[in-house]
Amino acid sequence: MSEVKMMAKKDVPAEEPCKYPREELLANTEALFNCKPEVLLAALTGDARTVYTVAEASGLIDNFNQRSVI
């Protein structure tokens, strides 16, 4: 009779997404987010962070674009 050994899964930490400095995101805005650098700059205004993931920056751009103009 063959034995089946159950191996415990190793705890592998989830890989964190890369964070990029504001300047690097601004330099690549059109390629990453399909918008002008001015839009990203306006979306990041007022945010104290200096590094962002691409998803975080994209979320800030989406939020900025959905704001109503008074």
PDB file of N, CA and C in Angstrom:
ATOM      1  N   MET A   1       0.840  -1.166   0.000  1.00  0.00           N
ATOM      2  CA  MET A   1       0.000   0.000   0.000  1.00  0.00           C
ATOM      3  C   MET A   1       0.892   1.239   0.000  1.00  0.00           C
ATOM      4  N   SER A   2       0.602   2.168  -0.839  1.00  0.00           N
ATOM      5  CA  SER A   2       1.430   3.369  -0.888  1.00  0.00           C
ATOM      6  C   SER A   2       0.866   4.425   0.056  1.00  0.00           C
ATOM      7  N   GLU A   3       1.780   5.131   0.636  1.00  0.00           N
ATOM      8  CA  GLU A   3       1.366   6.185   1.558  1.00  0.00           C
ATOM      9  C   GLU A   3       1.329   7.511   0.811  1.00  0.00           C
ATOM     10  N   VAL A   4       0.323   8.260   1.094  1.00  0.00           N
ATOM     11  CA  VAL A   4       0.217   9.596   0.526  1.00  0.00           C
ATOM     12  C   VAL A   4       0.552  10.569   1.637  1.00  0.00           C
ATOM     13  N   LYS A   5       1.598  11.305   1.409  1.00  0.00           N
ATOM     14  CA  LYS A   5       2.004  12.262   2.429  1.00  0.00           C
ATOM     15  C   LYS A   5       1.439  13.625   2.068  1.00  0.00           C
ATOM     16  N   MET A   6       0.823  14.222   3.029  1.00  0.00           N
ATOM     17  CA  MET A   6       0.281  15.563   2.843  1.00  0.00           C
ATOM     18  C   MET A   6       1.339  16.551   3.309  1.00  0.00           C
ATOM     19  N   MET A   7       1.749  17.374   2.416  1.00  0.00           N
ATOM     20  CA  MET A   7       2.732  18.384   2.782  1.00  0.00           C
ATOM     21  C   MET A   7       1.995  19.659   3.147  1.00  0.00           C
ATOM     22  N   ALA A   8       2.414  20.244   4.230  1.00  0.00           N
ATOM     23  CA  ALA A   8       1.802  21.501   4.656  1.00  0.00           C
ATOM     24  C   ALA A   8       2.225  22.606   3.703  1.00  0.00           C
ATOM     25  N   LYS A   9       1.272  23.469   3.406  1.00  0.00           N
ATOM     26  CA  LYS A   9       1.601  24.603   2.555  1.00  0.00           C
ATOM     27  C   LYS A   9       2.464  25.559   3.348  1.00  0.00           C
ATOM     28  N   LYS A  10       3.493  26.021   2.710  1.00  0.00           N
ATOM     29  CA  LYS A  10       4.353  26.998   3.364  1.00  0.00           C
ATOM     30  C   LYS A  10       3.652  28.341   3.348  1.00  0.00           C
ATOM     31  N   ASP A  11       3.815  29.058   4.426  1.00  0.00           N
ATOM     32  CA  ASP A  11       3.241  30.394   4.482  1.00  0.00           C
ATOM     33  C   ASP A  11       4.088  31.321   3.630  1.00  0.00           C
ATOM     34  N   VAL A  12       3.554  31.631   2.481  1.00  0.00           N
ATOM     35  CA  VAL A  12       4.241  32.526   1.562  1.00  0.00           C
ATOM     36  C   VAL A  12       3.538  33.874   1.655  1.00  0.00           C
ATOM     37  N   PRO A  13       4.273  34.899   2.044  1.00  0.00           N
ATOM     38  CA  PRO A  13       3.618  36.200   2.157  1.00  0.00           C
ATOM     39  C   PRO A  13       3.149  36.694   0.792  1.00  0.00           C
ATOM     40  N   ALA A  14       2.005  37.347   0.798  1.00  0.00           N
ATOM     41  CA  ALA A  14       1.478  37.899  -0.451  1.00  0.00           C
ATOM     42  C   ALA A  14       2.424  38.980  -0.949  1.00  0.00           C
ATOM     43  N   GLU A  15       2.658  38.955  -2.230  1.00  0.00           N
ATOM     44  CA  GLU A  15       3.580  39.916  -2.818  1.00  0.00           C
ATOM     45  C   GLU A  15       2.908  41.280  -2.892  1.00  0.00           C
ATOM     46  N   GLU A  16       3.548  42.278  -2.315  1.00  0.00           N
ATOM     47  CA  GLU A  16       2.996  43.628  -2.340  1.00  0.00           C
ATOM     48  C   GLU A  16       3.291  44.272  -3.686  1.00  0.00           C
ATOM     49  N   PRO A  17       2.329  45.036  -4.194  1.00  0.00           N
ATOM     50  CA  PRO A  17       2.579  45.723  -5.463  1.00  0.00           C
ATOM     51  C   PRO A  17       3.677  46.771  -5.309  1.00  0.00           C
ATOM     52  N   CYS A  18       4.366  47.033  -6.373  1.00  0.00           N
ATOM     53  CA  CYS A  18       5.448  48.021  -6.354  1.00  0.00           C
ATOM     54  C   CYS A  18       4.881  49.417  -6.177  1.00  0.00           C
ATOM     55  N   LYS A  19       5.605  50.219  -5.430  1.00  0.00           N
ATOM     56  CA  LYS A  19       5.228  51.620  -5.248  1.00  0.00           C
ATOM     57  C   LYS A  19       6.242  52.476  -5.981  1.00  0.00           C
ATOM     58  N   TYR A  20       5.728  53.528  -6.606  1.00  0.00           N
ATOM     59  CA  TYR A  20       6.566  54.400  -7.413  1.00  0.00           C
ATOM     60  C   TYR A  20       6.472  55.830  -6.901  1.00  0.00           C
ATOM     61  N   PRO A  21       7.572  56.569  -6.981  1.00  0.00           N
ATOM     62  CA  PRO A  21       7.516  57.973  -6.574  1.00  0.00           C
ATOM     63  C   PRO A  21       6.636  58.779  -7.527  1.00  0.00           C
ATOM     64  N   ARG A  22       6.105  59.823  -7.012  1.00  0.00           N
ATOM     65  CA  ARG A  22       5.209  60.715  -7.754  1.00  0.00           C
ATOM     66  C   ARG A  22       5.828  61.152  -9.084  1.00  0.00           C
ATOM     67  N   GLU A  23       7.117  61.490  -9.069  1.00  0.00           N
ATOM     68  CA  GLU A  23       7.794  61.979 -10.274  1.00  0.00           C
ATOM     69  C   GLU A  23       7.841  60.922 -11.371  1.00  0.00           C
ATOM     70  N   GLU A  24       8.057  59.669 -10.980  1.00  0.00           N
ATOM     71  CA  GLU A  24       8.126  58.592 -11.970  1.00  0.00           C
ATOM     72  C   GLU A  24       6.752  58.341 -12.599  1.00  0.00           C
ATOM     73  N   LEU A  25       5.712  58.412 -11.790  1.00  0.00           N
ATOM     74  CA  LEU A  25       4.359  58.256 -12.329  1.00  0.00           C
ATOM     75  C   LEU A  25       4.013  59.405 -13.270  1.00  0.00           C
ATOM     76  N   LEU A  26       4.422  60.617 -12.900  1.00  0.00           N
ATOM     77  CA  LEU A  26       4.158  61.776 -13.761  1.00  0.00           C
ATOM     78  C   LEU A  26       4.885  61.656 -15.099  1.00  0.00           C
ATOM     79  N   ALA A  27       6.087  61.101 -15.073  1.00  0.00           N
ATOM     80  CA  ALA A  27       6.863  60.948 -16.303  1.00  0.00           C
ATOM     81  C   ALA A  27       6.240  59.915 -17.250  1.00  0.00           C
ATOM     82  N   ASN A  28       5.446  58.997 -16.713  1.00  0.00           N
ATOM     83  CA  ASN A  28       4.862  57.922 -17.525  1.00  0.00           C
ATOM     84  C   ASN A  28       3.337  57.933 -17.507  1.00  0.00           C
ATOM     85  N   THR A  29       2.754  59.072 -17.233  1.00  0.00           N
ATOM     86  CA  THR A  29       1.304  59.168 -17.065  1.00  0.00           C
ATOM     87  C   THR A  29       0.528  58.708 -18.291  1.00  0.00           C
ATOM     88  N   GLU A  30       0.914  59.170 -19.464  1.00  0.00           N
ATOM     89  CA  GLU A  30       0.140  58.843 -20.665  1.00  0.00           C
ATOM     90  C   GLU A  30       0.169  57.349 -20.967  1.00  0.00           C
ATOM     91  N   ALA A  31       1.288  56.702 -20.730  1.00  0.00           N
ATOM     92  CA  ALA A  31       1.395  55.265 -20.992  1.00  0.00           C
ATOM     93  C   ALA A  31       0.639  54.444 -19.947  1.00  0.00           C
ATOM     94  N   LEU A  32       0.685  54.879 -18.693  1.00  0.00           N
ATOM     95  CA  LEU A  32       0.060  54.110 -17.613  1.00  0.00           C
ATOM     96  C   LEU A  32      -1.436  54.362 -17.472  1.00  0.00           C
ATOM     97  N   PHE A  33      -1.838  55.624 -17.592  1.00  0.00           N
ATOM     98  CA  PHE A  33      -3.211  56.000 -17.244  1.00  0.00           C
ATOM     99  C   PHE A  33      -4.014  56.579 -18.406  1.00  0.00           C
ATOM    100  N   ASN A  34      -3.383  56.749 -19.551  1.00  0.00           N
ATOM    101  CA  ASN A  34      -4.057  57.288 -20.732  1.00  0.00           C
ATOM    102  C   ASN A  34      -4.681  58.660 -20.453  1.00  0.00           C
ATOM    103  N   CYS A  35      -3.924  59.508 -19.780  1.00  0.00           N
ATOM    104  CA  CYS A  35      -4.361  60.885 -19.535  1.00  0.00           C
ATOM    105  C   CYS A  35      -3.127  61.779 -19.494  1.00  0.00           C
ATOM    106  N   LYS A  36      -3.353  63.062 -19.451  1.00  0.00           N
ATOM    107  CA  LYS A  36      -2.255  64.027 -19.409  1.00  0.00           C
ATOM    108  C   LYS A  36      -1.645  64.067 -18.008  1.00  0.00           C
ATOM    109  N   PRO A  37      -0.359  64.392 -17.903  1.00  0.00           N
ATOM    110  CA  PRO A  37       0.282  64.503 -16.590  1.00  0.00           C
ATOM    111  C   PRO A  37      -0.395  65.527 -15.679  1.00  0.00           C
ATOM    112  N   GLU A  38      -1.003  66.551 -16.276  1.00  0.00           N
ATOM    113  CA  GLU A  38      -1.685  67.568 -15.483  1.00  0.00           C
ATOM    114  C   GLU A  38      -2.852  66.978 -14.701  1.00  0.00           C
ATOM    115  N   VAL A  39      -3.520  65.979 -15.281  1.00  0.00           N
ATOM    116  CA  VAL A  39      -4.644  65.333 -14.601  1.00  0.00           C
ATOM    117  C   VAL A  39      -4.136  64.567 -13.382  1.00  0.00           C
ATOM    118  N   LEU A  40      -3.049  63.831 -13.550  1.00  0.00           N
ATOM    119  CA  LEU A  40      -2.472  63.107 -12.419  1.00  0.00           C
ATOM    120  C   LEU A  40      -2.000  64.080 -11.351  1.00  0.00           C
ATOM    121  N   LEU A  41      -1.358  65.136 -11.755  1.00  0.00           N
ATOM    122  CA  LEU A  41      -0.870  66.128 -10.801  1.00  0.00           C
ATOM    123  C   LEU A  41      -2.029  66.717 -10.000  1.00  0.00           C
ATOM    124  N   ALA A  42      -3.122  67.036 -10.673  1.00  0.00           N
ATOM    125  CA  ALA A  42      -4.294  67.568  -9.975  1.00  0.00           C
ATOM    126  C   ALA A  42      -4.904  66.519  -9.047  1.00  0.00           C
ATOM    127  N   ALA A  43      -4.923  65.256  -9.477  1.00  0.00           N
ATOM    128  CA  ALA A  43      -5.491  64.189  -8.654  1.00  0.00           C
ATOM    129  C   ALA A  43      -4.659  63.942  -7.398  1.00  0.00           C
ATOM    130  N   LEU A  44      -3.345  64.147  -7.495  1.00  0.00           N
ATOM    131  CA  LEU A  44      -2.465  63.913  -6.348  1.00  0.00           C
ATOM    132  C   LEU A  44      -2.369  65.113  -5.418  1.00  0.00           C
ATOM    133  N   THR A  45      -2.880  66.259  -5.854  1.00  0.00           N
ATOM    134  CA  THR A  45      -2.808  67.463  -5.036  1.00  0.00           C
ATOM    135  C   THR A  45      -3.576  67.247  -3.734  1.00  0.00           C
ATOM    136  N   GLY A  46      -2.939  67.593  -2.647  1.00  0.00           N
ATOM    137  CA  GLY A  46      -3.565  67.447  -1.335  1.00  0.00           C
ATOM    138  C   GLY A  46      -3.292  66.111  -0.675  1.00  0.00           C
ATOM    139  N   ASP A  47      -2.685  65.181  -1.384  1.00  0.00           N
ATOM    140  CA  ASP A  47      -2.340  63.877  -0.812  1.00  0.00           C
ATOM    141  C   ASP A  47      -0.905  63.950  -0.322  1.00  0.00           C
ATOM    142  N   ALA A  48      -0.695  63.652   0.943  1.00  0.00           N
ATOM    143  CA  ALA A  48       0.623  63.813   1.560  1.00  0.00           C
ATOM    144  C   ALA A  48       1.609  62.711   1.175  1.00  0.00           C
ATOM    145  N   ARG A  49       1.118  61.620   0.615  1.00  0.00           N
ATOM    146  CA  ARG A  49       2.022  60.518   0.268  1.00  0.00           C
ATOM    147  C   ARG A  49       2.966  60.925  -0.852  1.00  0.00           C
ATOM    148  N   THR A  50       4.110  60.277  -0.883  1.00  0.00           N
ATOM    149  CA  THR A  50       5.085  60.556  -1.941  1.00  0.00           C
ATOM    150  C   THR A  50       5.269  59.364  -2.872  1.00  0.00           C
ATOM    151  N   VAL A  51       4.796  58.184  -2.470  1.00  0.00           N
ATOM    152  CA  VAL A  51       4.882  56.988  -3.313  1.00  0.00           C
ATOM    153  C   VAL A  51       3.500  56.351  -3.418  1.00  0.00           C
ATOM    154  N   TYR A  52       3.219  55.780  -4.595  1.00  0.00           N
ATOM    155  CA  TYR A  52       1.908  55.207  -4.881  1.00  0.00           C
ATOM    156  C   TYR A  52       2.080  53.933  -5.696  1.00  0.00           C
ATOM    157  N   THR A  53       1.125  53.030  -5.565  1.00  0.00           N
ATOM    158  CA  THR A  53       1.052  51.923  -6.514  1.00  0.00           C
ATOM    159  C   THR A  53       0.315  52.450  -7.741  1.00  0.00           C
ATOM    160  N   VAL A  54       0.411  51.732  -8.836  1.00  0.00           N
ATOM    161  CA  VAL A  54      -0.291  52.144 -10.049  1.00  0.00           C
ATOM    162  C   VAL A  54      -1.803  52.126  -9.789  1.00  0.00           C
ATOM    163  N   ALA A  55      -2.278  51.135  -9.038  1.00  0.00           N
ATOM    164  CA  ALA A  55      -3.711  51.044  -8.737  1.00  0.00           C
ATOM    165  C   ALA A  55      -4.175  52.213  -7.875  1.00  0.00           C
ATOM    166  N   GLU A  56      -3.364  52.614  -6.903  1.00  0.00           N
ATOM    167  CA  GLU A  56      -3.729  53.753  -6.053  1.00  0.00           C
ATOM    168  C   GLU A  56      -3.824  55.030  -6.878  1.00  0.00           C
ATOM    169  N   ALA A  57      -2.834  55.259  -7.717  1.00  0.00           N
ATOM    170  CA  ALA A  57      -2.836  56.460  -8.554  1.00  0.00           C
ATOM    171  C   ALA A  57      -4.013  56.437  -9.527  1.00  0.00           C
ATOM    172  N   SER A  58      -4.307  55.284 -10.081  1.00  0.00           N
ATOM    173  CA  SER A  58      -5.439  55.158 -10.996  1.00  0.00           C
ATOM    174  C   SER A  58      -6.749  55.463 -10.275  1.00  0.00           C
ATOM    175  N   GLY A  59      -6.879  54.995  -9.050  1.00  0.00           N
ATOM    176  CA  GLY A  59      -8.073  55.278  -8.257  1.00  0.00           C
ATOM    177  C   GLY A  59      -8.221  56.760  -7.963  1.00  0.00           C
ATOM    178  N   LEU A  60      -7.106  57.427  -7.682  1.00  0.00           N
ATOM    179  CA  LEU A  60      -7.149  58.867  -7.431  1.00  0.00           C
ATOM    180  C   LEU A  60      -7.551  59.632  -8.692  1.00  0.00           C
ATOM    181  N   ILE A  61      -7.063  59.172  -9.841  1.00  0.00           N
ATOM    182  CA  ILE A  61      -7.439  59.807 -11.111  1.00  0.00           C
ATOM    183  C   ILE A  61      -8.932  59.621 -11.371  1.00  0.00           C
ATOM    184  N   ASP A  62      -9.432  58.405 -11.160  1.00  0.00           N
ATOM    185  CA  ASP A  62     -10.860  58.144 -11.363  1.00  0.00           C
ATOM    186  C   ASP A  62     -11.706  59.017 -10.445  1.00  0.00           C
ATOM    187  N   ASN A  63     -11.291  59.117  -9.184  1.00  0.00           N
ATOM    188  CA  ASN A  63     -12.004  59.953  -8.219  1.00  0.00           C
ATOM    189  C   ASN A  63     -11.986  61.414  -8.660  1.00  0.00           C
ATOM    190  N   PHE A  64     -10.837  61.876  -9.123  1.00  0.00           N
ATOM    191  CA  PHE A  64     -10.712  63.255  -9.585  1.00  0.00           C
ATOM    192  C   PHE A  64     -11.615  63.519 -10.789  1.00  0.00           C
ATOM    193  N   ASN A  65     -11.650  62.588 -11.725  1.00  0.00           N
ATOM    194  CA  ASN A  65     -12.460  62.764 -12.934  1.00  0.00           C
ATOM    195  C   ASN A  65     -13.961  62.740 -12.649  1.00  0.00           C
ATOM    196  N   GLN A  66     -14.370  62.123 -11.554  1.00  0.00           N
ATOM    197  CA  GLN A  66     -15.789  62.035 -11.222  1.00  0.00           C
ATOM    198  C   GLN A  66     -16.276  63.208 -10.376  1.00  0.00           C
ATOM    199  N   ARG A  67     -15.378  64.056  -9.925  1.00  0.00           N
ATOM    200  CA  ARG A  67     -15.791  65.217  -9.134  1.00  0.00           C
ATOM    201  C   ARG A  67     -16.586  66.177 -10.003  1.00  0.00           C
ATOM    202  N   SER A  68     -17.567  66.787  -9.367  1.00  0.00           N
ATOM    203  CA  SER A  68     -18.354  67.777 -10.113  1.00  0.00           C
ATOM    204  C   SER A  68     -17.699  69.147  -9.996  1.00  0.00           C
ATOM    205  N   VAL A  69     -17.830  69.910 -11.036  1.00  0.00           N
ATOM    206  CA  VAL A  69     -17.257  71.251 -11.076  1.00  0.00           C
ATOM    207  C   VAL A  69     -18.329  72.235 -10.632  1.00  0.00           C
ATOM    208  N   ILE A  70     -17.962  73.091  -9.721  1.00  0.00           N
ATOM    209  CA  ILE A  70     -18.938  74.059  -9.192  1.00  0.00           C
ATOM    210  C   ILE A  70     -18.747  75.392  -9.869  1.00  0.00           C
TER     211      ILE A  70
END
